[in-house]
Amino acid sequence: MPTFLTIGYGDAESYEATDPALRDKAHAHDRWLASHGAVIAALGTPTQVRNPEGTALSTAEGAYMRTDLPLAGFALLDAASLEEAVERVAGTPCAVAHGVVEVWPLVCGVEQDGAASV
């Protein structure tokens, strides 16, 4: 079954302005997704890592990517199709609280021996 990375964006102000009953329902939906195998997490402060040509490791606090809304969390979930993945995330907090959720199909992974797989 295909795996999808979902990325949720949303700000606290919009979240807090959403009806608490709707937020509760969205969090219950997240718990349902997790009980069906999804890996779900909110995000803390990111650290950028650079190591040009493996010779100059540097780090910087903060996001590299800039968006209209802050990055709030992610999930990894299995679904039979993109349409099913979209349906599954449509009830999540970012989707219902005036944020947005991106759904990214994973097209390549790394096997334990280090080889890429499609």
N, C-alpha and C. Protein backbone atom coordinates (compact mmCIF):
# COMPACT_ATOMS: atom_id res chain seq x y z
N MET A 1 0.86 -1.17 0.00
CA MET A 1 0.00 0.00 0.00
C MET A 1 0.91 1.23 0.00
N PRO A 2 0.59 2.25 -0.80
CA PRO A 2 1.41 3.46 -0.84
C PRO A 2 1.41 4.20 0.50
N THR A 3 2.53 4.88 0.76
CA THR A 3 2.66 5.70 1.96
C THR A 3 2.69 7.17 1.53
N PHE A 4 2.07 8.02 2.34
CA PHE A 4 1.98 9.44 2.06
C PHE A 4 2.51 10.23 3.25
N LEU A 5 3.25 11.29 2.96
CA LEU A 5 3.66 12.25 3.96
C LEU A 5 2.67 13.40 3.89
N THR A 6 2.06 13.74 5.01
CA THR A 6 1.17 14.89 5.03
C THR A 6 1.81 15.95 5.91
N ILE A 7 1.74 17.19 5.45
CA ILE A 7 2.36 18.30 6.17
C ILE A 7 1.27 19.31 6.46
N GLY A 8 1.09 19.61 7.74
CA GLY A 8 0.05 20.55 8.15
C GLY A 8 0.63 21.91 8.47
N TYR A 9 -0.05 22.94 7.98
CA TYR A 9 0.32 24.32 8.24
C TYR A 9 -0.86 25.01 8.92
N GLY A 10 -0.58 25.83 9.91
CA GLY A 10 -1.65 26.57 10.56
C GLY A 10 -1.11 27.44 11.67
N ASP A 11 -1.82 28.51 11.98
CA ASP A 11 -1.36 29.38 13.05
C ASP A 11 -2.28 29.27 14.26
N ALA A 12 -1.73 29.63 15.40
CA ALA A 12 -2.46 29.50 16.66
C ALA A 12 -3.72 30.37 16.67
N GLU A 13 -3.65 31.54 16.10
CA GLU A 13 -4.80 32.45 16.10
C GLU A 13 -6.00 31.84 15.39
N SER A 14 -5.78 31.29 14.21
CA SER A 14 -6.87 30.65 13.46
C SER A 14 -7.38 29.41 14.18
N TYR A 15 -6.45 28.65 14.75
CA TYR A 15 -6.83 27.45 15.50
C TYR A 15 -7.73 27.82 16.67
N GLU A 16 -7.32 28.82 17.45
CA GLU A 16 -8.09 29.24 18.62
C GLU A 16 -9.44 29.83 18.23
N ALA A 17 -9.56 30.40 17.03
CA ALA A 17 -10.82 30.98 16.57
C ALA A 17 -11.82 29.93 16.09
N THR A 18 -11.37 28.70 15.93
CA THR A 18 -12.23 27.61 15.48
C THR A 18 -13.05 27.09 16.65
N ASP A 19 -14.29 26.74 16.40
CA ASP A 19 -15.18 26.21 17.44
C ASP A 19 -14.49 25.07 18.19
N PRO A 20 -14.45 25.14 19.53
CA PRO A 20 -13.79 24.09 20.31
C PRO A 20 -14.32 22.68 20.03
N ALA A 21 -15.60 22.56 19.75
CA ALA A 21 -16.16 21.23 19.44
C ALA A 21 -15.58 20.70 18.14
N LEU A 22 -15.37 21.57 17.16
CA LEU A 22 -14.77 21.16 15.90
C LEU A 22 -13.31 20.76 16.11
N ARG A 23 -12.59 21.52 16.94
CA ARG A 23 -11.20 21.17 17.25
C ARG A 23 -11.14 19.82 17.93
N ASP A 24 -12.04 19.59 18.89
CA ASP A 24 -12.06 18.30 19.60
C ASP A 24 -12.31 17.15 18.61
N LYS A 25 -13.23 17.37 17.69
CA LYS A 25 -13.53 16.35 16.69
C LYS A 25 -12.31 16.09 15.81
N ALA A 26 -11.59 17.16 15.44
CA ALA A 26 -10.40 17.01 14.60
C ALA A 26 -9.30 16.26 15.34
N HIS A 27 -9.12 16.53 16.63
CA HIS A 27 -8.11 15.80 17.41
C HIS A 27 -8.51 14.34 17.59
N ALA A 28 -9.80 14.08 17.74
CA ALA A 28 -10.27 12.70 17.80
C ALA A 28 -9.98 11.99 16.48
N HIS A 29 -10.12 12.72 15.38
CA HIS A 29 -9.80 12.15 14.07
C HIS A 29 -8.31 11.80 14.00
N ASP A 30 -7.44 12.67 14.51
CA ASP A 30 -6.01 12.37 14.56
C ASP A 30 -5.75 11.10 15.38
N ARG A 31 -6.43 10.97 16.52
CA ARG A 31 -6.25 9.77 17.34
C ARG A 31 -6.70 8.53 16.57
N TRP A 32 -7.78 8.65 15.79
CA TRP A 32 -8.25 7.54 14.97
C TRP A 32 -7.20 7.18 13.93
N LEU A 33 -6.64 8.19 13.24
CA LEU A 33 -5.59 7.91 12.26
C LEU A 33 -4.41 7.19 12.92
N ALA A 34 -3.99 7.68 14.09
CA ALA A 34 -2.87 7.04 14.79
C ALA A 34 -3.20 5.60 15.17
N SER A 35 -4.43 5.35 15.57
CA SER A 35 -4.82 3.99 15.95
C SER A 35 -4.86 3.06 14.74
N HIS A 36 -4.87 3.64 13.54
CA HIS A 36 -4.86 2.86 12.31
C HIS A 36 -3.50 2.91 11.62
N GLY A 37 -2.45 3.22 12.39
CA GLY A 37 -1.09 3.09 11.90
C GLY A 37 -0.39 4.36 11.46
N ALA A 38 -1.06 5.50 11.43
CA ALA A 38 -0.39 6.73 11.02
C ALA A 38 0.58 7.17 12.11
N VAL A 39 1.70 7.72 11.70
CA VAL A 39 2.65 8.35 12.62
C VAL A 39 2.37 9.84 12.54
N ILE A 40 1.96 10.44 13.66
CA ILE A 40 1.54 11.84 13.68
C ILE A 40 2.34 12.58 14.74
N ALA A 41 2.79 13.79 14.41
CA ALA A 41 3.51 14.59 15.40
C ALA A 41 3.36 16.07 15.10
N ALA A 42 3.33 16.86 16.17
CA ALA A 42 3.47 18.30 16.05
C ALA A 42 4.96 18.59 15.95
N LEU A 43 5.30 19.77 15.46
CA LEU A 43 6.70 20.09 15.24
C LEU A 43 7.19 21.16 16.19
N GLY A 44 8.43 21.01 16.64
CA GLY A 44 9.09 22.03 17.45
C GLY A 44 9.92 22.94 16.54
N THR A 45 10.91 23.60 17.12
CA THR A 45 11.77 24.50 16.37
C THR A 45 12.77 23.70 15.54
N PRO A 46 12.85 23.98 14.25
CA PRO A 46 13.76 23.22 13.39
C PRO A 46 15.21 23.72 13.49
N THR A 47 16.12 22.86 13.09
CA THR A 47 17.53 23.20 12.94
C THR A 47 17.94 22.87 11.52
N GLN A 48 18.50 23.84 10.84
CA GLN A 48 19.01 23.63 9.48
C GLN A 48 20.41 23.01 9.59
N VAL A 49 20.69 22.04 8.74
CA VAL A 49 22.00 21.39 8.71
C VAL A 49 22.57 21.54 7.31
N ARG A 50 23.77 22.03 7.24
CA ARG A 50 24.49 22.15 5.96
C ARG A 50 25.86 21.51 6.15
N ASN A 51 26.33 20.86 5.09
CA ASN A 51 27.65 20.24 5.12
C ASN A 51 28.18 20.17 3.69
N PRO A 52 28.48 21.33 3.08
CA PRO A 52 28.89 21.34 1.68
C PRO A 52 30.11 20.47 1.43
N GLU A 53 29.92 19.53 0.53
CA GLU A 53 30.95 18.58 0.12
C GLU A 53 31.54 17.81 1.30
N GLY A 54 30.76 17.73 2.39
CA GLY A 54 31.17 16.95 3.55
C GLY A 54 32.33 17.56 4.32
N THR A 55 32.56 18.87 4.18
CA THR A 55 33.75 19.48 4.78
C THR A 55 33.47 20.65 5.71
N ALA A 56 32.26 21.14 5.77
CA ALA A 56 32.00 22.37 6.53
C ALA A 56 30.65 22.32 7.21
N LEU A 57 30.51 21.44 8.19
CA LEU A 57 29.24 21.30 8.90
C LEU A 57 28.87 22.59 9.61
N SER A 58 27.65 23.05 9.36
CA SER A 58 27.14 24.21 10.08
C SER A 58 25.65 23.99 10.35
N THR A 59 25.19 24.61 11.41
CA THR A 59 23.77 24.53 11.76
C THR A 59 23.24 25.93 12.02
N ALA A 60 21.95 26.09 11.84
CA ALA A 60 21.29 27.36 12.14
C ALA A 60 19.89 27.03 12.64
N GLU A 61 19.47 27.71 13.70
CA GLU A 61 18.13 27.50 14.22
C GLU A 61 17.13 28.20 13.31
N GLY A 62 16.01 27.54 13.11
CA GLY A 62 14.92 28.13 12.33
C GLY A 62 14.70 27.40 11.03
N ALA A 63 13.57 27.70 10.44
CA ALA A 63 13.17 27.03 9.20
C ALA A 63 13.89 27.63 8.00
N TYR A 64 14.24 26.80 7.07
CA TYR A 64 14.78 27.23 5.79
C TYR A 64 13.63 27.65 4.88
N MET A 65 12.60 26.83 4.87
CA MET A 65 11.44 27.07 4.03
C MET A 65 10.57 28.16 4.65
N ARG A 66 10.05 29.04 3.83
CA ARG A 66 9.16 30.09 4.28
C ARG A 66 7.77 29.85 3.69
N THR A 67 6.74 29.99 4.52
CA THR A 67 5.37 29.77 4.07
C THR A 67 4.47 30.85 4.65
N ASP A 68 3.29 30.98 4.08
CA ASP A 68 2.31 31.93 4.60
C ASP A 68 1.85 31.56 6.01
N LEU A 69 1.78 30.27 6.28
CA LEU A 69 1.37 29.77 7.60
C LEU A 69 2.52 28.98 8.20
N PRO A 70 2.66 28.97 9.52
CA PRO A 70 3.71 28.18 10.14
C PRO A 70 3.49 26.68 9.94
N LEU A 71 4.57 25.96 9.83
CA LEU A 71 4.51 24.51 9.77
C LEU A 71 4.11 24.01 11.15
N ALA A 72 3.04 23.20 11.21
CA ALA A 72 2.48 22.79 12.49
C ALA A 72 2.77 21.33 12.83
N GLY A 73 2.74 20.44 11.84
CA GLY A 73 2.94 19.04 12.12
C GLY A 73 2.96 18.22 10.86
N PHE A 74 3.08 16.92 11.05
CA PHE A 74 3.13 16.01 9.91
C PHE A 74 2.50 14.69 10.30
N ALA A 75 2.24 13.89 9.28
CA ALA A 75 1.83 12.50 9.50
C ALA A 75 2.37 11.67 8.36
N LEU A 76 2.68 10.44 8.66
CA LEU A 76 2.96 9.42 7.65
C LEU A 76 1.82 8.44 7.73
N LEU A 77 1.16 8.22 6.60
CA LEU A 77 0.04 7.28 6.62
C LEU A 77 0.00 6.48 5.34
N ASP A 78 -0.54 5.30 5.46
CA ASP A 78 -0.75 4.43 4.32
C ASP A 78 -2.17 4.59 3.82
N ALA A 79 -2.33 4.63 2.51
CA ALA A 79 -3.65 4.73 1.89
C ALA A 79 -3.57 4.07 0.52
N ALA A 80 -4.67 3.57 0.05
CA ALA A 80 -4.70 2.87 -1.23
C ALA A 80 -4.47 3.81 -2.41
N SER A 81 -4.78 5.11 -2.23
CA SER A 81 -4.66 6.06 -3.33
C SER A 81 -4.50 7.46 -2.76
N LEU A 82 -4.13 8.39 -3.62
CA LEU A 82 -4.05 9.80 -3.23
C LEU A 82 -5.41 10.28 -2.74
N GLU A 83 -6.46 9.87 -3.43
CA GLU A 83 -7.81 10.30 -3.04
C GLU A 83 -8.14 9.83 -1.62
N GLU A 84 -7.76 8.61 -1.28
CA GLU A 84 -8.02 8.10 0.07
C GLU A 84 -7.19 8.86 1.09
N ALA A 85 -5.94 9.16 0.77
CA ALA A 85 -5.09 9.92 1.69
C ALA A 85 -5.69 11.31 1.93
N VAL A 86 -6.17 11.97 0.87
CA VAL A 86 -6.80 13.28 1.01
C VAL A 86 -8.03 13.17 1.91
N GLU A 87 -8.83 12.16 1.69
CA GLU A 87 -10.03 11.96 2.50
C GLU A 87 -9.66 11.79 3.97
N ARG A 88 -8.58 11.05 4.23
CA ARG A 88 -8.18 10.80 5.62
C ARG A 88 -7.71 12.06 6.33
N VAL A 89 -7.05 12.97 5.63
CA VAL A 89 -6.54 14.17 6.30
C VAL A 89 -7.53 15.33 6.29
N ALA A 90 -8.62 15.20 5.58
CA ALA A 90 -9.59 16.30 5.48
C ALA A 90 -10.20 16.67 6.82
N GLY A 91 -10.19 15.77 7.79
CA GLY A 91 -10.77 16.04 9.10
C GLY A 91 -9.75 16.38 10.17
N THR A 92 -8.49 16.61 9.80
CA THR A 92 -7.45 16.88 10.79
C THR A 92 -7.49 18.35 11.23
N PRO A 93 -6.85 18.66 12.38
CA PRO A 93 -6.91 20.03 12.90
C PRO A 93 -6.46 21.09 11.90
N CYS A 94 -5.36 20.90 11.21
CA CYS A 94 -4.91 21.95 10.28
C CYS A 94 -5.91 22.14 9.14
N ALA A 95 -6.51 21.07 8.68
CA ALA A 95 -7.46 21.17 7.56
C ALA A 95 -8.73 21.90 7.96
N VAL A 96 -9.21 21.68 9.18
CA VAL A 96 -10.48 22.27 9.58
C VAL A 96 -10.34 23.61 10.29
N ALA A 97 -9.14 23.96 10.75
CA ALA A 97 -8.95 25.20 11.52
C ALA A 97 -8.28 26.29 10.68
N HIS A 98 -8.71 26.40 9.42
CA HIS A 98 -8.26 27.47 8.52
C HIS A 98 -6.80 27.37 8.14
N GLY A 99 -6.23 26.18 8.25
CA GLY A 99 -4.88 25.94 7.78
C GLY A 99 -4.92 25.20 6.46
N VAL A 100 -3.89 24.45 6.20
CA VAL A 100 -3.83 23.66 4.98
C VAL A 100 -2.99 22.41 5.26
N VAL A 101 -3.30 21.34 4.56
CA VAL A 101 -2.51 20.11 4.66
C VAL A 101 -2.08 19.74 3.26
N GLU A 102 -0.78 19.53 3.08
CA GLU A 102 -0.25 19.00 1.83
C GLU A 102 -0.15 17.50 1.95
N VAL A 103 -0.42 16.80 0.87
CA VAL A 103 -0.29 15.33 0.83
C VAL A 103 0.75 15.00 -0.23
N TRP A 104 1.83 14.39 0.20
CA TRP A 104 2.95 14.05 -0.67
C TRP A 104 3.08 12.53 -0.76
N PRO A 105 2.94 11.94 -1.95
CA PRO A 105 3.20 10.50 -2.08
C PRO A 105 4.70 10.25 -1.95
N LEU A 106 5.07 9.22 -1.19
CA LEU A 106 6.47 8.83 -1.11
C LEU A 106 6.77 7.94 -2.31
N VAL A 107 7.73 8.33 -3.11
CA VAL A 107 8.01 7.61 -4.35
C VAL A 107 9.30 6.82 -4.30
N CYS A 108 10.11 7.02 -3.27
CA CYS A 108 11.38 6.30 -3.18
C CYS A 108 11.75 6.18 -1.72
N GLY A 109 12.24 5.04 -1.35
CA GLY A 109 12.70 4.83 0.01
C GLY A 109 14.11 4.27 -0.01
N VAL A 110 14.68 4.08 1.16
CA VAL A 110 16.02 3.50 1.27
C VAL A 110 15.89 2.19 2.01
N GLU A 111 16.39 1.15 1.41
CA GLU A 111 16.39 -0.18 2.04
C GLU A 111 17.48 -0.24 3.11
N GLN A 112 17.46 -1.26 3.93
CA GLN A 112 18.44 -1.37 5.00
C GLN A 112 19.86 -1.46 4.47
N ASP A 113 20.06 -1.96 3.26
CA ASP A 113 21.41 -2.04 2.70
C ASP A 113 21.85 -0.73 2.10
N GLY A 114 21.03 0.31 2.19
CA GLY A 114 21.37 1.63 1.67
C GLY A 114 20.94 1.88 0.25
N ALA A 115 20.44 0.86 -0.42
CA ALA A 115 20.00 1.02 -1.81
C ALA A 115 18.64 1.70 -1.86
N ALA A 116 18.42 2.53 -2.84
CA ALA A 116 17.14 3.19 -3.03
C ALA A 116 16.14 2.21 -3.63
N SER A 117 14.89 2.34 -3.22
CA SER A 117 13.83 1.52 -3.79
C SER A 117 12.70 2.45 -4.24
N VAL A 118 11.96 2.00 -5.23
CA VAL A 118 10.86 2.79 -5.74
C VAL A 118 9.55 2.13 -5.35
